[in-house]
């Protein structure tokens, strides 16, 4: 007789254990989805940083390939020059958000021919912008 009384308690216990195991499995699955989302976001950030690095190297190599006097550099890479505008179009097409006024590249050429290039980008889903700063000293 006593074994018949324990049967409902055992069945209720198994139901609770099943619900707990489903809860643990669900939490684990949600954690994996959150990890996957973070991984995809960081993958995009790495891709954009790589693109920015290649674009910066492209502009600096163009500076090295031509005349490197201070006057020539400032003329060739003035924001209105054709060479700079062609490069800028590549930046705008490769980096998200680079076409907005806030995220436009900044190019500074000081009197000692030190080049400071700052590239910005901002993915549509992000509130913070990213940047890459390249500093190069051009010599003869």
N, C-alpha and C. Protein backbone atom coordinates (compact mmCIF):
# COMPACT_ATOMS: atom_id res chain seq x y z
N UNK A 1 0.79 -1.19 0.00
CA UNK A 1 0.00 0.00 0.00
C UNK A 1 0.84 1.27 0.00
N UNK A 2 1.89 1.25 0.76
CA UNK A 2 2.72 2.45 0.82
C UNK A 2 3.37 2.75 -0.53
N UNK A 3 3.66 1.76 -1.33
CA UNK A 3 4.28 2.01 -2.63
C UNK A 3 3.31 2.71 -3.58
N UNK A 4 2.00 2.50 -3.43
CA UNK A 4 1.03 3.20 -4.27
C UNK A 4 0.93 4.68 -3.88
N UNK A 5 1.14 5.00 -2.65
CA UNK A 5 1.10 6.40 -2.23
C UNK A 5 2.31 7.18 -2.74
N UNK A 6 3.44 6.57 -2.90
CA UNK A 6 4.67 7.24 -3.36
C UNK A 6 4.66 7.49 -4.87
N UNK A 7 3.89 6.79 -5.61
CA UNK A 7 3.87 6.91 -7.07
C UNK A 7 3.55 8.32 -7.55
N UNK A 8 2.54 9.04 -7.06
CA UNK A 8 2.28 10.41 -7.52
C UNK A 8 3.43 11.36 -7.17
N UNK A 9 4.06 11.16 -6.02
CA UNK A 9 5.19 12.02 -5.66
C UNK A 9 6.37 11.82 -6.60
N UNK A 10 6.62 10.60 -6.97
CA UNK A 10 7.71 10.31 -7.90
C UNK A 10 7.41 10.91 -9.27
N UNK A 11 6.19 10.79 -9.74
CA UNK A 11 5.80 11.34 -11.05
C UNK A 11 5.90 12.86 -11.03
N UNK A 12 5.50 13.50 -9.93
CA UNK A 12 5.63 14.95 -9.83
C UNK A 12 7.08 15.39 -9.79
N UNK A 13 7.90 14.61 -9.15
CA UNK A 13 9.33 14.90 -9.07
C UNK A 13 9.97 14.82 -10.46
N UNK A 14 9.59 13.85 -11.24
CA UNK A 14 10.13 13.71 -12.60
C UNK A 14 9.71 14.88 -13.47
N UNK A 15 8.49 15.38 -13.28
CA UNK A 15 8.02 16.53 -14.05
C UNK A 15 8.84 17.78 -13.71
N UNK A 16 9.11 17.98 -12.44
CA UNK A 16 9.92 19.13 -12.03
C UNK A 16 11.34 19.02 -12.58
N UNK A 17 11.93 17.83 -12.52
CA UNK A 17 13.27 17.62 -13.07
C UNK A 17 13.29 17.88 -14.58
N UNK A 18 12.24 17.47 -15.26
CA UNK A 18 12.15 17.72 -16.71
C UNK A 18 12.07 19.21 -17.01
N UNK A 19 11.27 19.93 -16.26
CA UNK A 19 11.15 21.38 -16.47
C UNK A 19 12.47 22.09 -16.19
N UNK A 20 13.16 21.68 -15.15
CA UNK A 20 14.47 22.29 -14.83
C UNK A 20 15.48 22.00 -15.93
N UNK A 21 15.49 20.78 -16.45
CA UNK A 21 16.44 20.45 -17.52
C UNK A 21 16.12 21.25 -18.80
N UNK A 22 14.85 21.46 -19.10
CA UNK A 22 14.47 22.29 -20.25
C UNK A 22 14.90 23.73 -20.04
N UNK A 23 14.76 24.24 -18.82
CA UNK A 23 15.19 25.59 -18.50
C UNK A 23 16.71 25.75 -18.67
N UNK A 24 17.46 24.80 -18.16
CA UNK A 24 18.93 24.84 -18.30
C UNK A 24 19.33 24.78 -19.77
N UNK A 25 18.69 23.90 -20.52
CA UNK A 25 18.99 23.79 -21.95
C UNK A 25 18.66 25.10 -22.68
N UNK A 26 17.55 25.73 -22.34
CA UNK A 26 17.15 26.99 -22.99
C UNK A 26 18.14 28.11 -22.68
N UNK A 27 18.58 28.19 -21.42
CA UNK A 27 19.56 29.22 -21.05
C UNK A 27 20.86 28.99 -21.81
N UNK A 28 21.28 27.75 -21.92
CA UNK A 28 22.49 27.44 -22.68
C UNK A 28 22.36 27.81 -24.15
N UNK A 29 21.22 27.51 -24.73
CA UNK A 29 20.97 27.84 -26.13
C UNK A 29 20.97 29.35 -26.36
N UNK A 30 20.33 30.09 -25.47
CA UNK A 30 20.33 31.56 -25.58
C UNK A 30 21.73 32.14 -25.42
N UNK A 31 22.52 31.54 -24.56
CA UNK A 31 23.91 31.99 -24.39
C UNK A 31 24.71 31.76 -25.66
N UNK A 32 24.50 30.63 -26.30
CA UNK A 32 25.19 30.35 -27.57
C UNK A 32 24.78 31.35 -28.65
N UNK A 33 23.51 31.69 -28.70
CA UNK A 33 23.04 32.68 -29.69
C UNK A 33 23.65 34.06 -29.42
N UNK A 34 23.76 34.43 -28.15
CA UNK A 34 24.38 35.72 -27.80
C UNK A 34 25.86 35.71 -28.20
N UNK A 35 26.53 34.60 -27.98
CA UNK A 35 27.94 34.48 -28.37
C UNK A 35 28.10 34.57 -29.89
N UNK A 36 27.22 33.94 -30.63
CA UNK A 36 27.26 33.99 -32.08
C UNK A 36 27.04 35.42 -32.58
N UNK A 37 26.11 36.14 -31.98
CA UNK A 37 25.86 37.54 -32.36
C UNK A 37 27.09 38.40 -32.10
N UNK A 38 27.70 38.23 -30.95
CA UNK A 38 28.91 39.00 -30.63
C UNK A 38 30.04 38.65 -31.58
N UNK A 39 30.17 37.40 -31.95
CA UNK A 39 31.22 36.97 -32.88
C UNK A 39 31.02 37.61 -34.25
N UNK A 40 29.79 37.63 -34.73
CA UNK A 40 29.52 38.25 -36.03
C UNK A 40 29.82 39.75 -36.01
N UNK A 41 29.48 40.41 -34.92
CA UNK A 41 29.74 41.85 -34.79
C UNK A 41 31.25 42.12 -34.81
N UNK A 42 32.00 41.34 -34.05
CA UNK A 42 33.45 41.53 -34.01
C UNK A 42 34.10 41.17 -35.35
N UNK A 43 33.54 40.23 -36.05
CA UNK A 43 34.04 39.89 -37.38
C UNK A 43 33.87 41.07 -38.34
N UNK A 44 32.72 41.72 -38.29
CA UNK A 44 32.50 42.91 -39.10
C UNK A 44 33.47 44.02 -38.73
N UNK A 45 33.68 44.23 -37.42
CA UNK A 45 34.62 45.25 -36.98
C UNK A 45 36.03 44.97 -37.49
N UNK A 46 36.45 43.72 -37.46
CA UNK A 46 37.78 43.35 -37.96
C UNK A 46 37.87 43.60 -39.47
N UNK A 47 36.81 43.30 -40.17
CA UNK A 47 36.81 43.52 -41.62
C UNK A 47 36.94 45.01 -41.94
N UNK A 48 36.17 45.85 -41.23
CA UNK A 48 36.23 47.29 -41.48
C UNK A 48 37.59 47.86 -41.08
N UNK A 49 38.17 47.35 -40.00
CA UNK A 49 39.51 47.83 -39.60
C UNK A 49 40.55 47.44 -40.65
N UNK A 50 40.41 46.26 -41.20
CA UNK A 50 41.31 45.82 -42.27
C UNK A 50 41.15 46.70 -43.51
N UNK A 51 39.90 46.99 -43.89
CA UNK A 51 39.64 47.87 -45.03
C UNK A 51 40.25 49.26 -44.80
N UNK A 52 40.06 49.79 -43.59
CA UNK A 52 40.60 51.11 -43.27
C UNK A 52 42.12 51.11 -43.35
N UNK A 53 42.73 50.06 -42.88
CA UNK A 53 44.19 49.94 -42.94
C UNK A 53 44.69 49.90 -44.39
N UNK A 54 44.01 49.16 -45.23
CA UNK A 54 44.39 49.09 -46.65
C UNK A 54 44.19 50.44 -47.34
N UNK A 55 43.13 51.14 -47.02
CA UNK A 55 42.88 52.45 -47.63
C UNK A 55 43.93 53.47 -47.18
N UNK A 56 44.30 53.42 -45.91
CA UNK A 56 45.34 54.32 -45.42
C UNK A 56 46.68 54.02 -46.08
N UNK A 57 47.01 52.75 -46.20
CA UNK A 57 48.26 52.36 -46.87
C UNK A 57 48.25 52.79 -48.33
N UNK A 58 47.10 52.72 -48.98
CA UNK A 58 46.99 53.14 -50.37
C UNK A 58 47.29 54.63 -50.53
N UNK A 59 46.72 55.45 -49.66
CA UNK A 59 46.95 56.89 -49.75
C UNK A 59 48.41 57.22 -49.47
N UNK A 60 48.98 56.62 -48.45
CA UNK A 60 50.39 56.89 -48.12
C UNK A 60 51.31 56.42 -49.24
N UNK A 61 51.02 55.30 -49.85
CA UNK A 61 51.86 54.82 -50.96
C UNK A 61 51.76 55.76 -52.17
N UNK A 62 50.59 56.36 -52.37
CA UNK A 62 50.47 57.36 -53.45
C UNK A 62 51.34 58.58 -53.14
N UNK A 63 51.41 58.94 -51.88
CA UNK A 63 52.26 60.07 -51.50
C UNK A 63 53.73 59.75 -51.72
N UNK A 64 54.13 58.54 -51.38
CA UNK A 64 55.52 58.14 -51.57
C UNK A 64 55.88 58.04 -53.06
N UNK A 65 54.93 57.69 -53.91
CA UNK A 65 55.25 57.43 -55.31
C UNK A 65 55.45 58.69 -56.14
N UNK A 66 54.90 59.80 -55.71
CA UNK A 66 55.05 61.03 -56.49
C UNK A 66 56.08 61.96 -55.87
N UNK A 67 56.03 63.19 -56.30
CA UNK A 67 56.94 64.19 -55.73
C UNK A 67 56.56 64.41 -54.26
N UNK A 68 57.60 64.43 -53.40
CA UNK A 68 57.33 64.48 -51.97
C UNK A 68 57.65 65.82 -51.32
N UNK A 69 57.80 66.87 -52.13
CA UNK A 69 58.01 68.18 -51.52
C UNK A 69 56.73 68.60 -50.80
N UNK A 70 56.87 69.48 -49.83
CA UNK A 70 55.71 69.90 -49.03
C UNK A 70 54.64 70.54 -49.91
N UNK A 71 55.07 71.40 -50.82
CA UNK A 71 54.12 72.08 -51.71
C UNK A 71 53.39 71.08 -52.61
N UNK A 72 54.14 70.15 -53.17
CA UNK A 72 53.54 69.15 -54.06
C UNK A 72 52.55 68.26 -53.30
N UNK A 73 52.93 67.85 -52.10
CA UNK A 73 52.02 67.01 -51.31
C UNK A 73 50.72 67.74 -51.00
N UNK A 74 50.85 68.98 -50.59
CA UNK A 74 49.64 69.74 -50.25
C UNK A 74 48.77 70.01 -51.47
N UNK A 75 49.37 70.15 -52.63
CA UNK A 75 48.58 70.36 -53.85
C UNK A 75 47.93 69.06 -54.31
N UNK A 76 48.71 67.99 -54.32
CA UNK A 76 48.18 66.71 -54.80
C UNK A 76 47.10 66.13 -53.91
N UNK A 77 47.17 66.39 -52.60
CA UNK A 77 46.24 65.77 -51.67
C UNK A 77 45.38 66.78 -50.94
N UNK A 78 45.19 67.92 -51.58
CA UNK A 78 44.19 68.87 -51.09
C UNK A 78 42.82 68.21 -51.22
N UNK A 79 41.90 68.58 -50.35
CA UNK A 79 40.58 67.93 -50.38
C UNK A 79 39.83 68.14 -51.68
N UNK A 80 40.20 69.11 -52.47
CA UNK A 80 39.52 69.36 -53.75
C UNK A 80 40.25 68.72 -54.93
N UNK A 81 41.42 68.15 -54.70
CA UNK A 81 42.19 67.58 -55.81
C UNK A 81 41.54 66.29 -56.31
N UNK A 82 41.78 66.00 -57.59
CA UNK A 82 41.21 64.79 -58.20
C UNK A 82 41.74 63.52 -57.55
N UNK A 83 43.04 63.49 -57.25
CA UNK A 83 43.63 62.29 -56.67
C UNK A 83 43.02 61.99 -55.29
N UNK A 84 42.84 63.02 -54.49
CA UNK A 84 42.23 62.82 -53.17
C UNK A 84 40.76 62.43 -53.30
N UNK A 85 40.05 63.04 -54.22
CA UNK A 85 38.62 62.74 -54.40
C UNK A 85 38.40 61.30 -54.86
N UNK A 86 39.29 60.79 -55.73
CA UNK A 86 39.18 59.39 -56.16
C UNK A 86 39.38 58.45 -54.96
N UNK A 87 40.37 58.75 -54.16
CA UNK A 87 40.62 57.95 -52.97
C UNK A 87 39.43 58.04 -52.00
N UNK A 88 38.90 59.24 -51.83
CA UNK A 88 37.77 59.46 -50.93
C UNK A 88 36.54 58.65 -51.35
N UNK A 89 36.32 58.53 -52.66
CA UNK A 89 35.20 57.73 -53.14
C UNK A 89 35.37 56.25 -52.76
N UNK A 90 36.60 55.77 -52.80
CA UNK A 90 36.87 54.39 -52.37
C UNK A 90 36.60 54.22 -50.88
N UNK A 91 36.97 55.23 -50.09
CA UNK A 91 36.72 55.18 -48.65
C UNK A 91 35.22 55.13 -48.38
N UNK A 92 34.48 55.99 -49.05
CA UNK A 92 33.03 56.05 -48.83
C UNK A 92 32.34 54.75 -49.22
N UNK A 93 32.85 54.08 -50.24
CA UNK A 93 32.21 52.83 -50.65
C UNK A 93 32.64 51.64 -49.79
N UNK A 94 33.81 51.73 -49.14
CA UNK A 94 34.31 50.59 -48.38
C UNK A 94 33.95 50.63 -46.90
N UNK A 95 33.83 51.83 -46.33
CA UNK A 95 33.59 51.94 -44.89
C UNK A 95 32.18 52.46 -44.63
N UNK A 96 31.42 51.79 -43.78
CA UNK A 96 30.06 52.26 -43.51
C UNK A 96 30.07 53.56 -42.72
N UNK A 97 29.22 54.46 -43.11
CA UNK A 97 29.10 55.74 -42.40
C UNK A 97 30.17 56.74 -42.72
N UNK A 98 31.10 56.41 -43.62
CA UNK A 98 32.22 57.32 -43.93
C UNK A 98 31.78 58.50 -44.77
N UNK A 99 30.60 58.46 -45.32
CA UNK A 99 30.13 59.56 -46.16
C UNK A 99 29.44 60.67 -45.36
N UNK A 100 29.20 60.44 -44.07
CA UNK A 100 28.61 61.49 -43.25
C UNK A 100 29.67 62.52 -42.86
N UNK A 101 29.23 63.72 -42.60
CA UNK A 101 30.16 64.80 -42.26
C UNK A 101 30.99 64.46 -41.02
N UNK A 102 30.36 63.84 -40.05
CA UNK A 102 31.04 63.50 -38.79
C UNK A 102 32.14 62.47 -38.99
N UNK A 103 31.99 61.59 -39.98
CA UNK A 103 32.92 60.48 -40.18
C UNK A 103 33.84 60.66 -41.39
N UNK A 104 33.94 61.86 -41.91
CA UNK A 104 34.83 62.09 -43.06
C UNK A 104 36.28 61.90 -42.63
N UNK A 105 37.13 61.37 -43.51
CA UNK A 105 38.55 61.22 -43.17
C UNK A 105 39.21 62.58 -42.93
N UNK A 106 40.19 62.58 -42.08
CA UNK A 106 40.97 63.79 -41.81
C UNK A 106 42.41 63.54 -42.21
N UNK A 107 42.93 64.43 -43.05
CA UNK A 107 44.31 64.33 -43.52
C UNK A 107 45.03 65.61 -43.16
N UNK A 108 46.10 65.46 -42.39
CA UNK A 108 46.91 66.62 -42.00
C UNK A 108 48.34 66.40 -42.47
N UNK A 109 48.89 67.42 -43.13
CA UNK A 109 50.29 67.39 -43.57
C UNK A 109 50.98 68.58 -42.91
N UNK A 110 51.86 68.30 -41.95
CA UNK A 110 52.51 69.43 -41.28
C UNK A 110 53.75 69.89 -42.06
N UNK A 111 54.42 70.91 -41.57
CA UNK A 111 55.54 71.51 -42.30
C UNK A 111 56.76 70.60 -42.39
N UNK A 112 56.84 69.58 -41.55
CA UNK A 112 57.96 68.62 -41.62
C UNK A 112 57.59 67.38 -42.45
N UNK A 113 56.49 67.46 -43.17
CA UNK A 113 55.97 66.39 -44.02
C UNK A 113 55.57 65.15 -43.22
N UNK A 114 55.09 65.39 -42.04
CA UNK A 114 54.52 64.31 -41.25
C UNK A 114 53.04 64.23 -41.59
N UNK A 115 52.61 63.06 -42.02
CA UNK A 115 51.24 62.83 -42.47
C UNK A 115 50.46 62.16 -41.33
N UNK A 116 49.35 62.75 -40.96
CA UNK A 116 48.44 62.13 -40.00
C UNK A 116 47.10 61.93 -40.70
N UNK A 117 46.74 60.68 -40.87
CA UNK A 117 45.50 60.31 -41.55
C UNK A 117 44.60 59.58 -40.55
N UNK A 118 43.38 60.09 -40.38
CA UNK A 118 42.41 59.47 -39.49
C UNK A 118 41.19 59.07 -40.30
N UNK A 119 40.89 57.79 -40.25
CA UNK A 119 39.70 57.25 -40.92
C UNK A 119 38.67 56.86 -39.87
N UNK A 120 37.41 57.17 -40.16
CA UNK A 120 36.31 56.85 -39.25
C UNK A 120 35.30 55.98 -39.97
N UNK A 121 34.62 55.13 -39.22
CA UNK A 121 33.49 54.38 -39.77
C UNK A 121 32.53 54.06 -38.63
N UNK A 122 31.30 53.81 -39.01
CA UNK A 122 30.26 53.53 -38.03
C UNK A 122 29.21 52.64 -38.67
N UNK A 123 29.10 51.44 -38.17
CA UNK A 123 28.10 50.51 -38.69
C UNK A 123 26.70 51.04 -38.36
N UNK A 124 25.72 50.75 -39.18
CA UNK A 124 24.37 51.28 -38.96
C UNK A 124 23.77 50.91 -37.61
N UNK A 125 24.12 49.77 -37.08
CA UNK A 125 23.53 49.34 -35.81
C UNK A 125 24.28 49.86 -34.59
N UNK A 126 25.37 50.62 -34.80
CA UNK A 126 26.19 51.07 -33.67
C UNK A 126 26.00 52.55 -33.40
N UNK A 127 26.19 52.93 -32.15
CA UNK A 127 26.11 54.34 -31.77
C UNK A 127 27.49 54.97 -31.70
N UNK A 128 28.52 54.18 -31.47
CA UNK A 128 29.90 54.68 -31.39
C UNK A 128 30.58 54.53 -32.73
N UNK A 129 31.43 55.49 -33.06
CA UNK A 129 32.20 55.37 -34.29
C UNK A 129 33.58 54.80 -33.97
N UNK A 130 34.16 54.16 -34.95
CA UNK A 130 35.50 53.57 -34.83
C UNK A 130 36.47 54.46 -35.61
N UNK A 131 37.74 54.36 -35.27
CA UNK A 131 38.73 55.15 -35.99
C UNK A 131 40.03 54.38 -36.13
N UNK A 132 40.76 54.75 -37.17
CA UNK A 132 42.11 54.25 -37.40
C UNK A 132 42.97 55.48 -37.67
N UNK A 133 44.04 55.63 -36.92
CA UNK A 133 44.95 56.77 -37.09
C UNK A 133 46.28 56.23 -37.60
N UNK A 134 46.75 56.82 -38.71
CA UNK A 134 48.03 56.45 -39.28
C UNK A 134 48.91 57.70 -39.32
N UNK A 135 50.12 57.57 -38.80
CA UNK A 135 51.09 58.68 -38.83
C UNK A 135 52.31 58.21 -39.60
N UNK A 136 52.70 59.00 -40.61
CA UNK A 136 53.82 58.65 -41.47
C UNK A 136 54.71 59.88 -41.67
N UNK A 137 56.00 59.66 -41.64
CA UNK A 137 56.96 60.74 -41.91
C UNK A 137 57.53 60.52 -43.31
N UNK A 138 57.30 61.44 -44.22
CA UNK A 138 57.85 61.33 -45.57
C UNK A 138 59.22 62.00 -45.62
N UNK A 139 60.16 61.30 -46.21
CA UNK A 139 61.51 61.83 -46.36
C UNK A 139 61.92 61.74 -47.82
N UNK A 140 63.04 62.31 -48.12
CA UNK A 140 63.56 62.25 -49.50
C UNK A 140 64.30 60.97 -49.77
